[in-house]
Amino acid sequence: TQRLPQFDHQKIAQSVGGIVLVQCPLLQLIGMLREHYNALTISR
């Protein structure tokens, strides 16, 4: 099995947090799409 390099989880969390902040409008859009999809599956 391959040994994966050990990650600095805090750094990853920070960079992910930065990405989330930058892409907040995209996340809101995804959330809206998810709500619409849920509404469609519920009404089925």
N, C-alpha and C. Protein backbone atom coordinates (compact mmCIF):
# COMPACT_ATOMS: atom_id res chain seq x y z
N THR A 1 0.85 -1.21 0.00
CA THR A 1 0.00 0.00 0.00
C THR A 1 0.87 1.25 0.00
N GLN A 2 0.38 2.27 -0.67
CA GLN A 2 1.14 3.52 -0.77
C GLN A 2 0.98 4.35 0.48
N ARG A 3 2.10 4.89 0.96
CA ARG A 3 2.03 5.79 2.11
C ARG A 3 1.71 7.18 1.61
N LEU A 4 0.61 7.72 2.07
CA LEU A 4 0.27 9.09 1.69
C LEU A 4 1.04 10.06 2.56
N PRO A 5 1.47 11.18 2.00
CA PRO A 5 2.12 12.19 2.82
C PRO A 5 1.14 12.71 3.87
N GLN A 6 1.68 13.01 5.05
CA GLN A 6 0.79 13.47 6.13
C GLN A 6 0.39 14.92 5.87
N PHE A 7 -0.88 15.19 5.98
CA PHE A 7 -1.40 16.52 5.69
C PHE A 7 -1.51 17.33 6.97
N ASP A 8 -1.31 18.63 6.82
CA ASP A 8 -1.54 19.56 7.92
C ASP A 8 -3.02 19.93 7.87
N HIS A 9 -3.81 19.27 8.72
CA HIS A 9 -5.26 19.42 8.63
C HIS A 9 -5.70 20.86 8.86
N GLN A 10 -4.99 21.57 9.73
CA GLN A 10 -5.39 22.94 10.01
C GLN A 10 -5.19 23.80 8.76
N LYS A 11 -4.06 23.61 8.09
CA LYS A 11 -3.81 24.38 6.86
C LYS A 11 -4.86 24.06 5.81
N ILE A 12 -5.18 22.78 5.67
CA ILE A 12 -6.19 22.38 4.69
C ILE A 12 -7.53 23.01 5.04
N ALA A 13 -7.89 22.97 6.32
CA ALA A 13 -9.16 23.55 6.74
C ALA A 13 -9.19 25.05 6.43
N GLN A 14 -8.07 25.73 6.67
CA GLN A 14 -8.01 27.16 6.40
C GLN A 14 -8.16 27.44 4.91
N SER A 15 -7.45 26.68 4.08
CA SER A 15 -7.53 26.91 2.64
C SER A 15 -8.92 26.58 2.13
N VAL A 16 -9.51 25.51 2.66
CA VAL A 16 -10.88 25.16 2.28
C VAL A 16 -11.83 26.27 2.70
N GLY A 17 -11.63 26.80 3.92
CA GLY A 17 -12.46 27.90 4.39
C GLY A 17 -12.34 29.11 3.46
N GLY A 18 -11.11 29.39 3.02
CA GLY A 18 -10.92 30.51 2.10
C GLY A 18 -11.65 30.27 0.79
N ILE A 19 -11.56 29.04 0.29
CA ILE A 19 -12.25 28.70 -0.96
C ILE A 19 -13.75 28.87 -0.78
N VAL A 20 -14.25 28.43 0.38
CA VAL A 20 -15.69 28.54 0.65
C VAL A 20 -16.11 30.00 0.66
N LEU A 21 -15.29 30.86 1.30
CA LEU A 21 -15.63 32.27 1.36
C LEU A 21 -15.63 32.88 -0.03
N VAL A 22 -14.65 32.50 -0.85
CA VAL A 22 -14.56 33.06 -2.20
C VAL A 22 -15.73 32.59 -3.05
N GLN A 23 -16.13 31.35 -2.88
CA GLN A 23 -17.15 30.77 -3.74
C GLN A 23 -18.52 30.75 -3.08
N CYS A 24 -18.75 31.65 -2.14
CA CYS A 24 -20.03 31.66 -1.42
C CYS A 24 -21.22 31.78 -2.37
N PRO A 25 -21.18 32.68 -3.36
CA PRO A 25 -22.31 32.76 -4.30
C PRO A 25 -22.56 31.42 -5.00
N LEU A 26 -21.48 30.73 -5.35
CA LEU A 26 -21.62 29.43 -5.99
C LEU A 26 -22.30 28.44 -5.06
N LEU A 27 -21.88 28.47 -3.77
CA LEU A 27 -22.48 27.57 -2.79
C LEU A 27 -23.96 27.88 -2.60
N GLN A 28 -24.30 29.18 -2.60
CA GLN A 28 -25.71 29.54 -2.46
C GLN A 28 -26.51 29.00 -3.64
N LEU A 29 -25.91 29.11 -4.84
CA LEU A 29 -26.58 28.60 -6.04
C LEU A 29 -26.79 27.10 -5.93
N ILE A 30 -25.74 26.39 -5.46
CA ILE A 30 -25.85 24.94 -5.29
C ILE A 30 -26.94 24.61 -4.26
N GLY A 31 -26.99 25.40 -3.19
CA GLY A 31 -28.01 25.18 -2.18
C GLY A 31 -29.41 25.35 -2.75
N MET A 32 -29.58 26.40 -3.57
CA MET A 32 -30.88 26.63 -4.19
C MET A 32 -31.25 25.46 -5.09
N LEU A 33 -30.28 25.02 -5.90
CA LEU A 33 -30.54 23.89 -6.80
C LEU A 33 -30.92 22.65 -6.00
N ARG A 34 -30.22 22.46 -4.87
CA ARG A 34 -30.49 21.29 -4.04
C ARG A 34 -31.91 21.38 -3.47
N GLU A 35 -32.31 22.58 -3.05
CA GLU A 35 -33.67 22.74 -2.52
C GLU A 35 -34.70 22.45 -3.60
N HIS A 36 -34.46 22.97 -4.82
CA HIS A 36 -35.39 22.71 -5.92
C HIS A 36 -35.48 21.22 -6.20
N TYR A 37 -34.31 20.55 -6.18
CA TYR A 37 -34.28 19.11 -6.44
C TYR A 37 -35.06 18.36 -5.36
N ASN A 38 -34.86 18.77 -4.09
CA ASN A 38 -35.59 18.13 -3.00
C ASN A 38 -37.09 18.34 -3.17
N ALA A 39 -37.49 19.56 -3.55
CA ALA A 39 -38.91 19.84 -3.75
C ALA A 39 -39.46 18.95 -4.86
N LEU A 40 -38.68 18.77 -5.91
CA LEU A 40 -39.15 17.93 -7.01
C LEU A 40 -39.32 16.48 -6.55
N THR A 41 -38.34 15.98 -5.80
CA THR A 41 -38.42 14.58 -5.38
C THR A 41 -39.54 14.39 -4.37
N ILE A 42 -39.81 15.41 -3.53
CA ILE A 42 -40.88 15.29 -2.54
C ILE A 42 -42.24 15.31 -3.25
N SER A 43 -42.40 16.19 -4.26
CA SER A 43 -43.70 16.33 -4.91
C SER A 43 -44.00 15.15 -5.82
N ARG A 44 -43.00 14.30 -6.07
CA ARG A 44 -43.21 13.18 -6.98
C ARG A 44 -44.16 12.15 -6.40
